[in-house]
N, C-alpha and C. Protein backbone atom coordinates (compact mmCIF):
# COMPACT_ATOMS: atom_id res chain seq x y z
N UNK A 1 0.72 -1.44 0.18
CA UNK A 1 -0.16 -0.20 -0.03
C UNK A 1 0.63 1.14 0.00
N UNK A 2 1.84 1.54 0.88
CA UNK A 2 2.86 2.49 1.09
C UNK A 2 4.58 2.40 0.33
N UNK A 3 4.53 2.30 -0.88
CA UNK A 3 5.70 1.97 -1.47
C UNK A 3 6.04 3.60 -1.97
N UNK A 4 7.85 3.54 -2.04
CA UNK A 4 8.34 4.61 -3.10
C UNK A 4 8.33 5.72 -1.96
N UNK A 5 8.92 6.86 -2.27
CA UNK A 5 9.09 8.31 -1.84
C UNK A 5 7.82 8.58 -1.22
N UNK A 6 7.70 8.85 -0.40
CA UNK A 6 6.66 9.28 0.52
C UNK A 6 5.38 10.40 -0.05
N UNK A 7 6.50 11.44 -0.88
CA UNK A 7 5.72 12.40 -1.53
C UNK A 7 5.17 12.42 -2.55
N UNK A 8 5.26 10.83 -3.19
CA UNK A 8 4.32 10.65 -4.52
C UNK A 8 3.36 10.23 -4.20
N UNK A 9 2.80 9.72 -2.91
CA UNK A 9 1.54 9.06 -2.05
C UNK A 9 1.07 10.02 -1.46
N UNK A 10 1.47 10.97 -0.45
CA UNK A 10 0.72 11.69 0.09
C UNK A 10 1.22 13.18 -0.71
N UNK A 11 0.07 13.86 -0.48
CA UNK A 11 0.13 15.79 -0.25
C UNK A 11 0.24 16.10 1.02
N UNK A 12 -0.05 15.52 1.99
CA UNK A 12 -0.08 16.36 3.32
C UNK A 12 0.42 14.81 4.04
N UNK A 13 1.24 14.43 5.12
CA UNK A 13 1.58 13.64 5.79
C UNK A 13 1.66 14.07 7.45
N UNK A 14 1.98 15.00 7.60
CA UNK A 14 2.48 15.26 9.05
C UNK A 14 1.93 14.86 10.25
N UNK A 15 2.10 13.50 10.51
CA UNK A 15 1.40 12.69 11.45
C UNK A 15 2.56 12.68 12.79
N UNK A 16 3.62 12.43 12.34
CA UNK A 16 4.76 11.84 13.21
C UNK A 16 4.87 12.36 14.82
N UNK A 17 4.51 14.03 14.59
CA UNK A 17 4.61 14.31 16.05
C UNK A 17 3.30 13.78 16.66
N UNK A 18 2.32 13.93 15.75
CA UNK A 18 0.83 13.15 17.20
C UNK A 18 1.30 11.54 17.57
N UNK A 19 1.46 10.71 16.76
CA UNK A 19 2.21 9.35 16.77
C UNK A 19 2.91 9.17 17.49
N UNK A 20 3.94 9.64 17.86
CA UNK A 20 4.96 10.25 18.56
C UNK A 20 4.52 10.65 20.39
N UNK A 21 3.64 11.59 20.30
CA UNK A 21 3.20 12.26 21.53
C UNK A 21 2.20 11.07 21.86
N UNK A 22 1.70 10.15 21.27
CA UNK A 22 0.42 9.08 22.00
C UNK A 22 1.51 8.45 22.56
N UNK A 23 2.40 7.79 21.55
CA UNK A 23 3.44 6.39 21.91
C UNK A 23 4.15 6.97 23.03
N UNK A 24 4.41 7.92 23.55
CA UNK A 24 5.54 8.66 24.20
C UNK A 24 4.36 7.92 25.76
N UNK A 25 3.16 8.45 25.92
CA UNK A 25 2.57 8.01 27.11
C UNK A 25 3.04 6.38 27.67
N UNK A 26 3.41 5.31 26.61
CA UNK A 26 4.06 4.21 27.09
C UNK A 26 2.31 3.44 27.08
N UNK A 27 1.31 4.04 26.97
CA UNK A 27 0.11 2.83 26.55
C UNK A 27 -0.67 2.50 25.43
N UNK A 28 0.31 2.78 24.30
CA UNK A 28 -0.36 1.98 23.20
C UNK A 28 -0.76 3.46 22.76
N UNK A 29 -1.44 3.15 21.10
CA UNK A 29 -2.36 4.19 20.45
C UNK A 29 -3.27 3.31 19.72
N UNK A 30 -4.55 3.87 20.23
CA UNK A 30 -5.77 3.30 19.13
C UNK A 30 -6.49 4.41 18.44
N UNK A 31 -6.48 3.71 17.02
CA UNK A 31 -6.73 4.45 15.78
C UNK A 31 -7.90 4.24 15.53
N UNK A 32 -8.79 5.13 15.44
CA UNK A 32 -10.18 4.73 14.92
C UNK A 32 -10.71 5.62 13.42
N UNK A 33 -10.98 5.03 12.60
CA UNK A 33 -11.53 5.87 11.33
C UNK A 33 -12.89 4.90 10.99
N UNK A 34 -13.69 5.38 9.77
CA UNK A 34 -14.86 4.74 9.50
C UNK A 34 -14.62 4.48 7.83
N UNK A 35 -15.64 3.89 7.10
CA UNK A 35 -15.50 3.50 5.93
C UNK A 35 -15.56 4.74 4.94
N UNK A 36 -14.42 5.33 5.10
CA UNK A 36 -14.38 6.86 4.52
C UNK A 36 -12.99 6.77 3.96
N UNK A 37 -12.73 7.47 3.06
CA UNK A 37 -11.41 8.15 2.13
C UNK A 37 -10.84 6.43 2.15
N UNK A 38 -9.66 6.74 2.06
CA UNK A 38 -8.94 5.36 1.93
C UNK A 38 -8.49 5.06 2.92
N UNK A 39 -9.08 3.99 3.48
CA UNK A 39 -8.67 3.76 5.20
C UNK A 39 -7.80 2.67 5.21
N UNK A 40 -7.70 2.20 4.19
CA UNK A 40 -6.29 0.85 4.32
C UNK A 40 -5.32 1.77 3.80
N UNK A 41 -5.11 2.63 3.41
CA UNK A 41 -3.83 3.55 3.05
C UNK A 41 -3.87 4.15 4.23
N UNK A 42 -4.89 4.63 4.65
CA UNK A 42 -4.83 5.51 6.17
C UNK A 42 -3.70 4.49 7.22
N UNK A 43 -4.26 3.26 7.60
CA UNK A 43 -3.52 2.57 8.32
C UNK A 43 -2.43 2.17 8.01
N UNK A 44 -2.34 1.94 6.79
CA UNK A 44 -0.70 1.97 6.30
C UNK A 44 0.04 2.61 6.45
N UNK A 45 -0.06 4.15 6.48
CA UNK A 45 0.69 5.25 6.54
C UNK A 45 1.39 5.89 8.22
N UNK A 46 0.09 5.28 9.17
CA UNK A 46 0.80 5.21 10.28
C UNK A 46 1.71 4.18 10.64
N UNK A 47 1.21 2.91 9.91
CA UNK A 47 2.17 1.94 10.22
C UNK A 47 3.25 1.82 9.30
N UNK A 48 4.17 2.97 9.01
CA UNK A 48 5.14 3.23 8.65
C UNK A 48 6.26 4.00 9.53
N UNK A 49 5.13 4.51 10.88
CA UNK A 49 5.85 4.97 12.19
C UNK A 49 6.13 3.77 13.03
N UNK A 50 5.19 3.38 13.12
CA UNK A 50 5.25 2.03 14.28
C UNK A 50 4.11 0.60 13.87
N UNK A 51 4.85 -0.28 14.33
CA UNK A 51 4.03 -1.69 13.87
C UNK A 51 2.24 -1.73 14.38
N UNK A 52 1.64 -1.49 13.06
CA UNK A 52 0.07 -1.05 13.28
C UNK A 52 -0.52 -2.32 12.85
N UNK A 53 -1.89 -3.05 13.55
CA UNK A 53 -2.61 -3.98 13.32
C UNK A 53 -4.11 -3.65 12.97
N UNK A 54 -4.93 -4.03 12.39
CA UNK A 54 -6.25 -3.59 12.18
C UNK A 54 -7.31 -5.36 13.16
N UNK A 55 -7.42 -4.33 13.63
CA UNK A 55 -9.13 -5.95 14.41
C UNK A 55 -10.27 -5.62 13.12
N UNK A 56 -9.97 -6.44 12.58
CA UNK A 56 -11.28 -6.90 11.44
C UNK A 56 -12.23 -8.04 11.34
N UNK A 57 -13.32 -8.00 10.71
CA UNK A 57 -14.15 -9.41 10.67
C UNK A 57 -13.64 -9.66 9.37
N UNK A 58 -13.13 -10.90 9.38
CA UNK A 58 -12.73 -12.07 8.02
C UNK A 58 -13.67 -11.97 6.89
N UNK A 59 -13.23 -11.34 5.90
CA UNK A 59 -14.18 -11.58 4.84
C UNK A 59 -14.69 -12.97 4.55
N UNK A 60 -16.04 -13.40 3.90
CA UNK A 60 -16.61 -14.16 3.78
C UNK A 60 -16.30 -15.32 3.06
N UNK A 61 -15.33 -14.39 1.90
CA UNK A 61 -14.69 -14.99 0.76
C UNK A 61 -13.03 -15.12 1.04
N UNK A 62 -12.95 -17.07 1.39
CA UNK A 62 -11.47 -16.88 1.70
C UNK A 62 -10.36 -16.54 1.10
N UNK A 63 -10.73 -16.65 -0.41
CA UNK A 63 -9.46 -16.39 -1.46
C UNK A 63 -9.15 -14.48 -1.06
N UNK A 64 -10.19 -14.05 -0.95
CA UNK A 64 -10.38 -12.42 -1.19
C UNK A 64 -9.48 -11.86 0.29
N UNK A 65 -9.96 -12.76 1.28
CA UNK A 65 -9.23 -12.39 2.81
C UNK A 65 -8.32 -12.80 3.00
N UNK A 66 -7.53 -13.62 2.09
CA UNK A 66 -6.51 -13.76 1.87
C UNK A 66 -5.43 -12.98 0.93
N UNK A 67 -6.23 -12.66 0.29
CA UNK A 67 -5.14 -11.83 -0.58
C UNK A 67 -5.20 -10.49 -0.33
N UNK A 68 -6.27 -9.78 0.70
CA UNK A 68 -6.05 -8.49 1.69
C UNK A 68 -5.21 -8.64 2.43
N UNK A 69 -4.86 -9.80 3.33
CA UNK A 69 -4.11 -10.26 4.35
C UNK A 69 -2.38 -9.94 3.68
N UNK A 70 -2.14 -10.56 2.61
CA UNK A 70 -1.07 -10.64 2.06
C UNK A 70 -0.56 -9.01 1.64
N UNK A 71 -1.73 -8.20 0.93
CA UNK A 71 -1.43 -6.85 0.88
C UNK A 71 -1.39 -5.95 2.19
N UNK A 72 -2.03 -5.88 3.12
CA UNK A 72 -1.65 -5.76 4.19
C UNK A 72 -0.24 -5.71 4.86
N UNK A 73 0.03 -7.48 4.82
CA UNK A 73 1.77 -7.90 5.24
C UNK A 73 2.59 -7.10 4.42
N UNK A 74 2.54 -6.88 3.16
CA UNK A 74 3.56 -6.43 2.71
C UNK A 74 3.94 -4.66 2.94
N UNK A 75 2.81 -4.61 3.54
CA UNK A 75 3.09 -2.58 3.75
C UNK A 75 3.22 -2.84 5.42
N UNK A 76 3.52 -4.06 6.19
CA UNK A 76 3.58 -3.77 7.36
C UNK A 76 2.74 -3.71 8.42
N UNK A 77 1.32 -4.08 7.76
CA UNK A 77 0.17 -4.09 8.80
C UNK A 77 -0.47 -5.33 9.06
N UNK A 78 -0.28 -5.79 10.30
CA UNK A 78 -1.05 -6.94 10.46
C UNK A 78 -2.52 -6.55 10.55
N UNK A 79 -3.59 -8.16 11.49
CA UNK A 79 -4.53 -8.05 11.50
C UNK A 79 -5.08 -8.89 12.27
N UNK A 80 -5.89 -8.75 13.47
CA UNK A 80 -6.48 -9.75 14.63
C UNK A 80 -8.20 -9.47 13.90
N UNK A 81 -8.38 -10.70 14.22
CA UNK A 81 -9.90 -10.90 14.09
C UNK A 81 -10.74 -10.71 15.44
N UNK A 82 -11.66 -10.03 14.64
CA UNK A 82 -13.25 -9.69 15.94
C UNK A 82 -13.00 -10.90 16.71
N UNK A 83 -13.44 -10.85 17.82
CA UNK A 83 -13.96 -11.92 18.83
C UNK A 83 -12.65 -12.70 19.19
N UNK A 84 -11.80 -13.78 18.39
CA UNK A 84 -10.42 -14.44 19.17
C UNK A 84 -9.73 -13.26 19.15
N UNK A 85 -9.43 -12.39 18.71
CA UNK A 85 -8.60 -11.32 18.11
C UNK A 85 -8.26 -10.18 19.81
N UNK A 86 -9.84 -10.41 20.30
CA UNK A 86 -9.29 -9.09 21.18
C UNK A 86 -8.33 -9.28 22.25
N UNK A 87 -8.09 -10.67 22.90
CA UNK A 87 -6.64 -10.51 23.82
C UNK A 87 -5.38 -10.02 22.93
N UNK A 88 -5.32 -10.48 22.21
CA UNK A 88 -4.17 -9.83 21.20
C UNK A 88 -4.03 -8.48 21.18
N UNK A 89 -5.07 -7.65 20.91
CA UNK A 89 -5.54 -6.25 20.97
C UNK A 89 -5.02 -5.77 22.19
N UNK A 90 -5.40 -6.30 23.20
CA UNK A 90 -5.29 -5.98 24.75
C UNK A 90 -3.70 -5.42 25.18
N UNK A 91 -3.04 -7.09 24.57
CA UNK A 91 -2.07 -7.37 24.75
C UNK A 91 -0.70 -6.13 23.89
N UNK A 92 -1.50 -6.12 22.71
CA UNK A 92 -0.97 -5.32 21.78
C UNK A 92 -0.77 -3.62 22.49
N UNK A 93 -1.78 -3.21 23.09
CA UNK A 93 -1.69 -1.70 23.47
C UNK A 93 -0.97 -1.53 25.09
N UNK A 94 -1.18 -2.51 25.61
CA UNK A 94 -0.36 -2.72 26.79
C UNK A 94 1.03 -2.64 26.58
N UNK A 95 1.54 -3.27 25.22
CA UNK A 95 2.58 -3.41 25.20
C UNK A 95 3.14 -2.30 24.28
N UNK A 96 2.31 -1.31 24.28
CA UNK A 96 2.70 0.14 23.36
C UNK A 96 2.72 0.10 22.09
N UNK A 97 1.88 -0.75 21.67
CA UNK A 97 1.65 -1.08 20.08
C UNK A 97 0.37 -0.14 19.83
N UNK A 98 0.24 -0.17 18.14
CA UNK A 98 -0.71 0.22 17.73
C UNK A 98 -2.12 -0.21 17.08
N UNK A 99 -3.45 -0.22 17.30
CA UNK A 99 -4.35 -1.20 16.81
C UNK A 99 -5.12 0.07 16.14
N UNK A 100 -5.74 -0.18 15.05
CA UNK A 100 -6.64 0.17 14.01
C UNK A 100 -8.25 -0.11 14.31
N UNK A 101 -8.81 0.63 13.94
CA UNK A 101 -10.79 -0.07 13.83
C UNK A 101 -11.06 0.72 12.86
N UNK A 102 -11.79 0.28 12.09
CA UNK A 102 -13.08 1.04 11.19
C UNK A 102 -14.66 0.39 12.35
N UNK A 103 -14.54 1.69 12.93
CA UNK A 103 -15.82 1.33 13.97
C UNK A 103 -17.03 1.97 13.72
N UNK A 104 -17.77 1.91 12.38
CA UNK A 104 -19.03 2.27 12.22
C UNK A 104 -19.92 1.48 11.54
N UNK A 105 -20.40 0.57 11.68
CA UNK A 105 -21.01 -0.61 11.41
C UNK A 105 -22.20 -1.15 12.14
N UNK A 106 -23.59 -1.24 11.68
CA UNK A 106 -24.20 -1.29 12.26
C UNK A 106 -23.98 -2.62 13.56
N UNK A 107 -23.97 -2.16 14.43
CA UNK A 107 -23.85 -3.57 15.83
C UNK A 107 -24.56 -4.12 16.29
N UNK A 108 -26.11 -4.24 15.79
CA UNK A 108 -27.17 -4.90 16.16
C UNK A 108 -27.25 -4.76 17.93
N UNK A 109 -27.63 -5.46 18.47
CA UNK A 109 -28.29 -5.58 19.68
C UNK A 109 -26.89 -5.46 20.67
N UNK A 110 -25.96 -5.96 19.94
CA UNK A 110 -24.39 -5.56 20.61
C UNK A 110 -23.97 -4.19 21.25
N UNK A 111 -24.56 -3.32 20.01
CA UNK A 111 -23.99 -2.11 20.31
C UNK A 111 -24.65 -1.06 21.11
N UNK A 112 -24.32 0.25 20.97
CA UNK A 112 -24.89 1.79 21.84
C UNK A 112 -25.11 1.92 20.88
N UNK A 113 -26.55 2.61 21.08
CA UNK A 113 -27.12 3.62 20.31
C UNK A 113 -26.81 4.96 20.37
N UNK A 114 -26.47 5.60 19.47
CA UNK A 114 -26.15 7.20 19.81
C UNK A 114 -26.56 7.91 17.92
N UNK A 115 -26.37 9.23 18.42
CA UNK A 115 -27.04 10.11 17.19
C UNK A 115 -25.98 9.86 15.96
N UNK A 116 -26.52 9.33 14.77
CA UNK A 116 -25.62 9.74 13.34
C UNK A 116 -26.44 10.34 12.50
N UNK A 117 -26.12 11.43 11.80
CA UNK A 117 -27.19 12.20 10.84
C UNK A 117 -28.67 12.40 11.37
N UNK A 118 -28.66 12.43 12.72
CA UNK A 118 -30.11 12.74 13.13
C UNK A 118 -30.95 11.66 13.53
N UNK A 119 -30.19 10.58 13.46
CA UNK A 119 -31.05 9.44 13.88
C UNK A 119 -29.71 8.62 14.86
N UNK A 120 -30.85 7.47 15.92
CA UNK A 120 -29.85 6.42 16.49
C UNK A 120 -29.29 5.30 15.67
N UNK A 121 -28.08 5.28 15.81
CA UNK A 121 -27.66 4.31 14.84
C UNK A 121 -26.72 3.10 16.26
N UNK A 122 -26.78 1.80 16.21
CA UNK A 122 -26.48 1.34 16.51
C UNK A 122 -24.63 0.96 16.32
N UNK A 123 -23.89 0.94 17.14
CA UNK A 123 -22.50 1.40 17.08
C UNK A 123 -21.50 0.59 17.88
N UNK A 124 -20.57 -0.21 17.22
CA UNK A 124 -19.96 -0.81 18.19
C UNK A 124 -19.31 -0.42 19.59
N UNK A 125 -19.26 -1.19 20.79
CA UNK A 125 -18.86 -0.52 21.60
C UNK A 125 -17.13 -0.88 21.88
N UNK A 126 -16.83 -1.72 20.75
CA UNK A 126 -15.60 -2.52 21.38
C UNK A 126 -14.34 -0.99 21.45
N UNK A 127 -14.52 -0.15 20.61
CA UNK A 127 -13.00 1.25 21.03
C UNK A 127 -13.54 1.68 22.32
N UNK A 128 -14.93 1.97 22.64
CA UNK A 128 -14.54 2.44 24.29
C UNK A 128 -14.61 1.43 24.94
N UNK A 129 -14.43 0.32 24.69
CA UNK A 129 -14.28 -0.76 25.85
C UNK A 129 -12.70 -0.64 26.11
N UNK A 130 -12.14 -0.99 24.73
CA UNK A 130 -10.27 -1.28 24.62
C UNK A 130 -9.73 0.36 25.58
N UNK A 131 -10.21 1.27 24.89
CA UNK A 131 -9.34 2.45 25.37
C UNK A 131 -9.88 2.67 26.76
N UNK A 132 -11.26 2.42 27.44
CA UNK A 132 -11.06 2.62 29.02
C UNK A 132 -10.29 1.64 29.78
N UNK A 133 -10.32 0.41 29.07
CA UNK A 133 -10.10 -0.87 30.22
C UNK A 133 -8.11 -0.67 30.31
N UNK A 134 -7.70 0.10 29.23
CA UNK A 134 -5.93 0.32 28.90
C UNK A 134 -5.73 1.76 29.17
N UNK A 135 -6.53 2.49 29.06
CA UNK A 135 -5.99 4.24 29.24
C UNK A 135 -4.97 4.23 28.09
N UNK A 136 -5.29 3.59 26.99
CA UNK A 136 -4.63 3.61 25.63
C UNK A 136 -5.26 5.64 25.15
N UNK A 137 -4.33 6.01 24.59
CA UNK A 137 -4.89 7.34 23.94
C UNK A 137 -5.25 7.27 22.42
N UNK A 138 -6.09 7.52 22.32
CA UNK A 138 -7.29 7.80 20.88
C UNK A 138 -7.24 8.53 20.01
N UNK A 139 -6.86 8.46 18.43
CA UNK A 139 -7.08 9.38 17.41
C UNK A 139 -8.08 9.06 16.48
N UNK A 140 -8.71 10.10 16.20
CA UNK A 140 -9.28 10.05 15.05
C UNK A 140 -8.92 10.49 13.58
N UNK A 141 -9.33 9.41 12.43
CA UNK A 141 -8.56 10.14 11.45
C UNK A 141 -8.80 9.21 9.89
N UNK A 142 -8.49 10.19 8.68
CA UNK A 142 -8.85 9.34 7.20
C UNK A 142 -7.53 9.73 6.76
N UNK A 143 -7.77 9.16 5.37
CA UNK A 143 -7.33 9.50 4.39
C UNK A 143 -7.82 9.78 3.18
N UNK A 144 -7.92 10.92 2.79
CA UNK A 144 -8.46 11.62 1.56
C UNK A 144 -7.98 12.26 0.34
N UNK A 145 -8.50 11.53 -0.82
CA UNK A 145 -7.68 11.48 -1.57
C UNK A 145 -7.99 13.35 -2.17
N UNK A 146 -6.12 14.07 -2.73
CA UNK A 146 -6.72 15.42 -2.72
C UNK A 146 -6.43 15.23 -4.43
N UNK A 147 -6.43 17.00 -4.42
CA UNK A 147 -7.49 17.19 -6.36
C UNK A 147 -5.84 16.69 -7.48
N UNK A 148 -4.90 16.31 -6.66
CA UNK A 148 -3.49 15.84 -7.81
C UNK A 148 -3.40 14.40 -7.83
N UNK A 149 -4.50 13.74 -6.92
CA UNK A 149 -4.64 12.69 -7.06
C UNK A 149 -3.68 11.82 -5.97
N UNK A 150 -2.72 12.15 -5.15
CA UNK A 150 -2.35 12.17 -4.07
C UNK A 150 -3.21 12.30 -2.73
N UNK A 151 -2.55 11.97 -1.49
CA UNK A 151 -3.83 11.56 -0.44
C UNK A 151 -3.01 12.74 0.84
N UNK A 152 -4.14 13.14 1.14
CA UNK A 152 -3.91 14.48 2.64
C UNK A 152 -4.62 13.18 3.67
N UNK A 153 -3.52 12.97 4.85
CA UNK A 153 -3.59 12.11 6.36
C UNK A 153 -4.21 13.24 7.06
N UNK A 154 -5.42 12.92 7.50
CA UNK A 154 -6.23 14.17 8.49
C UNK A 154 -5.78 13.46 9.83
N UNK A 155 -5.29 13.91 10.97
CA UNK A 155 -5.45 12.92 12.04
C UNK A 155 -5.57 13.95 13.53
N UNK A 156 -6.17 13.49 14.36
CA UNK A 156 -6.58 14.54 15.17
C UNK A 156 -5.78 13.93 16.41
N UNK A 157 -6.01 15.29 17.58
CA UNK A 157 -4.95 14.72 18.53
C UNK A 157 -5.41 13.84 19.44
N UNK A 158 -4.50 13.17 19.98
CA UNK A 158 -4.80 12.25 21.08
C UNK A 158 -5.54 12.36 22.28
N UNK A 159 -6.67 11.76 22.34
CA UNK A 159 -7.30 11.87 23.57
C UNK A 159 -7.29 11.03 24.42
N UNK A 160 -7.22 11.15 25.46
CA UNK A 160 -7.71 10.07 26.71
C UNK A 160 -9.15 9.58 27.23
N UNK A 161 -9.40 8.68 27.24
CA UNK A 161 -11.04 8.67 27.64
C UNK A 161 -10.83 8.40 28.97
N UNK A 162 -11.98 9.29 30.02
CA UNK A 162 -11.96 8.65 31.19
C UNK A 162 -13.11 8.02 31.47
N UNK A 163 -13.10 7.54 32.55
CA UNK A 163 -14.28 6.49 33.19
C UNK A 163 -13.88 4.90 33.00
N UNK A 164 -14.79 4.29 33.50
CA UNK A 164 -14.59 2.91 33.58
C UNK A 164 -15.01 2.23 32.32
N UNK A 165 -14.08 0.87 31.89
CA UNK A 165 -14.56 0.04 30.88
C UNK A 165 -16.14 -0.90 31.17
N UNK A 166 -16.61 -0.52 32.39
CA UNK A 166 -17.93 -1.37 32.65
C UNK A 166 -19.24 -0.38 32.63
N UNK A 167 -18.65 0.91 32.43
CA UNK A 167 -19.64 1.93 33.05
C UNK A 167 -20.59 2.54 31.42
N UNK A 168 -21.72 1.88 31.54
CA UNK A 168 -22.59 2.20 30.07
C UNK A 168 -22.37 3.54 29.68
N UNK A 169 -22.64 4.58 30.43
CA UNK A 169 -22.50 6.09 29.97
C UNK A 169 -21.34 6.49 29.58
N UNK A 170 -20.40 6.21 30.42
CA UNK A 170 -18.74 6.08 29.75
C UNK A 170 -18.60 5.52 28.51
N UNK A 171 -19.06 4.54 27.85
CA UNK A 171 -19.02 3.73 27.10
C UNK A 171 -19.76 4.44 25.85
N UNK A 172 -20.95 5.41 26.29
CA UNK A 172 -22.12 5.75 25.08
C UNK A 172 -21.18 7.41 24.97
N UNK A 173 -20.71 7.92 26.05
CA UNK A 173 -20.45 9.40 25.52
C UNK A 173 -19.05 9.03 24.73
N UNK A 174 -18.12 8.22 24.82
CA UNK A 174 -16.93 7.60 24.05
C UNK A 174 -17.52 7.68 22.39
N UNK A 175 -18.51 6.45 22.53
CA UNK A 175 -18.89 6.10 21.05
C UNK A 175 -19.56 7.11 20.29
N UNK A 176 -20.43 7.83 21.29
CA UNK A 176 -20.86 9.16 20.55
C UNK A 176 -20.05 10.35 19.86
N UNK A 177 -18.64 10.25 20.73
CA UNK A 177 -17.64 11.46 19.98
C UNK A 177 -17.24 11.06 18.82
N UNK A 178 -16.65 9.42 18.63
CA UNK A 178 -16.28 9.21 17.51
C UNK A 178 -16.91 8.72 16.61
N UNK A 179 -18.09 8.44 16.75
CA UNK A 179 -19.45 8.61 15.46
C UNK A 179 -19.80 10.35 15.24
N UNK A 180 -19.43 11.12 15.54
CA UNK A 180 -19.42 12.85 15.70
C UNK A 180 -18.55 12.82 15.07
N UNK A 181 -17.45 12.44 15.07
CA UNK A 181 -16.32 12.91 14.62
C UNK A 181 -16.43 12.13 13.20
N UNK A 182 -16.73 11.30 12.92
CA UNK A 182 -17.09 10.57 11.20
C UNK A 182 -18.31 11.23 10.30
N UNK A 183 -19.07 11.51 11.35
CA UNK A 183 -20.26 12.85 10.63
C UNK A 183 -19.62 13.72 10.02
N UNK A 184 -18.79 14.53 10.89
CA UNK A 184 -18.46 15.84 10.88
C UNK A 184 -17.75 15.61 8.99
N UNK A 185 -17.03 14.49 9.39
CA UNK A 185 -16.23 14.16 7.92
C UNK A 185 -16.83 13.83 7.08
N UNK A 186 -17.91 13.18 7.16
CA UNK A 186 -18.68 12.87 5.79
C UNK A 186 -19.06 14.37 5.09
N UNK A 187 -19.91 14.59 6.49
CA UNK A 187 -20.50 16.29 5.57
C UNK A 187 -19.46 16.76 5.10
N UNK A 188 -18.15 17.11 5.26
CA UNK A 188 -17.27 18.18 4.61
C UNK A 188 -17.34 17.12 3.02
N UNK A 189 -17.00 15.76 3.20
CA UNK A 189 -16.81 15.02 1.63
C UNK A 189 -17.57 13.88 1.72
N UNK A 190 -18.96 14.18 1.15
CA UNK A 190 -19.83 13.19 1.42
C UNK A 190 -19.31 11.70 0.09
N UNK A 191 -18.78 12.49 -0.62
CA UNK A 191 -18.18 11.37 -1.78
C UNK A 191 -17.41 10.59 -1.63
N UNK A 192 -16.71 10.84 -0.35
CA UNK A 192 -15.46 9.96 0.26
C UNK A 192 -16.29 8.94 1.18
N UNK A 193 -17.45 8.81 1.31
CA UNK A 193 -17.89 7.72 2.24
C UNK A 193 -18.38 6.76 1.45
N UNK A 194 -17.27 5.44 1.62
CA UNK A 194 -17.85 4.34 0.85
C UNK A 194 -18.76 3.15 1.94
N UNK A 195 -20.07 3.52 1.36
CA UNK A 195 -20.99 2.62 2.37
C UNK A 195 -22.12 2.28 1.61
N UNK A 196 -22.19 0.42 1.59
CA UNK A 196 -23.02 -0.09 0.92
C UNK A 196 -23.71 -0.96 1.94
N UNK A 197 -23.94 -0.33 3.18
CA UNK A 197 -24.72 -1.09 4.38
C UNK A 197 -25.75 -0.16 4.84
N UNK A 198 -26.46 -1.15 5.58
CA UNK A 198 -28.04 -0.30 6.30
C UNK A 198 -27.32 0.02 7.81
N UNK A 199 -26.85 0.86 7.59
CA UNK A 199 -26.26 1.48 8.85
C UNK A 199 -27.10 1.97 10.38
N UNK A 200 -28.61 2.02 9.54
CA UNK A 200 -29.28 1.75 11.01
C UNK A 200 -30.40 1.13 10.62
N UNK A 201 -30.32 -0.24 10.21
CA UNK A 201 -30.91 -1.13 10.21
C UNK A 201 -31.68 -1.47 11.72
N UNK A 202 -30.60 -1.91 12.75
CA UNK A 202 -31.39 -2.25 13.96
C UNK A 202 -32.08 -1.09 14.53
N UNK A 203 -32.99 -1.09 14.84
CA UNK A 203 -34.14 -0.15 15.52
C UNK A 203 -33.92 0.30 16.87
N UNK A 204 -33.78 1.44 17.36
CA UNK A 204 -33.36 1.71 18.89
C UNK A 204 -34.81 0.87 19.50
N UNK A 205 -34.55 0.62 20.75
CA UNK A 205 -35.57 0.16 21.75
C UNK A 205 -36.73 1.42 22.12
N UNK A 206 -37.61 0.58 22.15
CA UNK A 206 -38.76 1.50 22.06
C UNK A 206 -38.94 2.62 22.70
N UNK A 207 -38.75 4.04 22.76
CA UNK A 207 -38.99 5.11 23.54
C UNK A 207 -37.64 5.80 23.40
N UNK A 208 -36.53 5.59 22.84
CA UNK A 208 -35.72 6.34 22.56
C UNK A 208 -35.66 6.60 20.87
N UNK A 209 -35.45 7.85 20.69
CA UNK A 209 -35.45 8.23 19.37
C UNK A 209 -33.99 8.86 19.12
């Protein structure tokens, strides 16, 4: 994903200071993004600075899944499967490693309902629980195509989430934050939102709006 001179691929890359600042805390780094822009390239760009692994749901097509894993591996990006990879994620973060998550799919009844474009959407709670459990700093960002065909890496400042990993309100508050970050980015560049998924498929409980 990321080969050759950096300037050939990225128009704006200035993320070194942010990544160094987060890793200097010694608690790893949790990188959040959405199916927005070139999320694979975004992860690979950060992976140039520190070993990075995605937490992913394996594809239903084994051949395609193996192909994607090989491409990631050539760029130094690893992957842990959702479910069985949870222990590896926690171990990586506690070892000052980097985990990236694309956290914007419908989470059915396992998610928390937070606002997204004026409607409540079931959203994965994994990022919140990882951040709260480990005290890992979190950044939200993306890679967007520039007019000249290269990419701009946009990366927010690291934040440390406060609260307990089993506190529903702390989980909801953090999940609402990163969901709002994605909504803001999509509103600015709606053509860059890659989505063929029923984001609001799961209806909120009766009485919630």
